[in-house]
Protein backbone atom coordinates (compact mmCIF):
# COMPACT_ATOMS: atom_id res chain seq x y z
CA MET A 1 30.03 107.25 11.92
CA ALA A 2 33.01 108.68 13.81
CA TYR A 3 36.73 108.24 13.50
CA LYS A 4 38.89 106.48 16.06
CA ILE A 5 42.59 106.38 16.87
CA VAL A 6 44.35 103.02 16.72
CA ALA A 7 46.00 103.01 20.15
CA SER A 8 48.86 100.70 19.22
CA GLN A 9 49.93 103.11 16.46
CA CYS A 10 49.41 106.44 18.24
CA SER A 11 52.72 108.24 18.80
CA ALA A 12 51.02 110.77 21.14
CA CYS A 13 52.42 113.68 19.14
CA GLY A 14 49.29 115.79 19.75
CA ALA A 15 48.92 117.08 16.20
CA CYS A 16 45.36 115.80 15.88
CA GLU A 17 44.06 117.35 19.09
CA PHE A 18 44.66 120.91 17.93
CA GLU A 19 43.28 120.32 14.43
CA CYS A 20 39.91 118.91 15.49
CA PRO A 21 37.24 121.59 14.92
CA ASN A 22 34.85 119.87 17.35
CA GLY A 23 37.17 119.30 20.30
CA ALA A 24 36.53 115.56 19.97
CA ILE A 25 40.15 114.52 20.53
CA ARG A 26 41.78 114.39 23.96
CA MET A 27 44.60 112.69 25.80
CA LYS A 28 43.69 109.63 27.85
CA GLY A 29 46.61 108.06 29.64
CA ASP A 30 49.47 108.16 27.17
CA ILE A 31 47.45 108.13 23.92
CA TYR A 32 44.81 110.25 22.25
CA ILE A 33 41.19 109.19 21.85
CA ILE A 34 38.29 110.52 19.77
CA ASP A 35 34.90 111.05 21.41
CA PRO A 36 32.46 109.48 18.91
CA ASN A 37 29.67 111.75 20.17
CA LYS A 38 31.63 114.85 19.14
CA CYS A 39 33.25 113.59 15.92
CA THR A 40 31.42 114.76 12.79
CA GLU A 41 34.08 113.51 10.37
CA CYS A 42 34.72 117.21 9.66
CA ASP A 43 31.29 117.51 8.05
CA GLY A 44 32.21 115.99 4.69
CA ASP A 45 35.62 117.65 4.35
CA ALA A 46 38.77 115.57 4.56
CA PRO A 47 39.13 114.59 8.24
CA ARG A 48 41.75 116.86 9.74
CA CYS A 49 43.05 114.22 12.15
CA VAL A 50 43.88 111.96 9.22
CA ASP A 51 45.58 114.81 7.35
CA VAL A 52 47.91 115.80 10.21
CA CYS A 53 48.70 112.42 11.75
CA PRO A 54 52.33 111.49 11.04
CA VAL A 55 51.60 107.77 11.38
CA GLU A 56 49.65 106.36 8.44
CA ASN A 57 46.37 104.56 9.22
CA THR A 58 46.24 105.69 12.84
CA CYS A 59 43.09 107.81 12.55
CA VAL A 60 40.54 105.54 10.90
CA ARG A 61 36.80 105.38 10.39
CA ALA A 62 35.28 103.40 13.27
């Protein structure tokens, strides 16, 4: 299962995009989204998007 970004909480800071090892995160409009086909949840490691997001509970398991 992939992660997703809660749009209403996304501050569009961009921190997550550059941390994603799979290139699954991109800007769409004025928020970031995670492509579920590319997200591997960082292959068992702590998800990097969760670690770098400044807004708690914005990157969540879908």
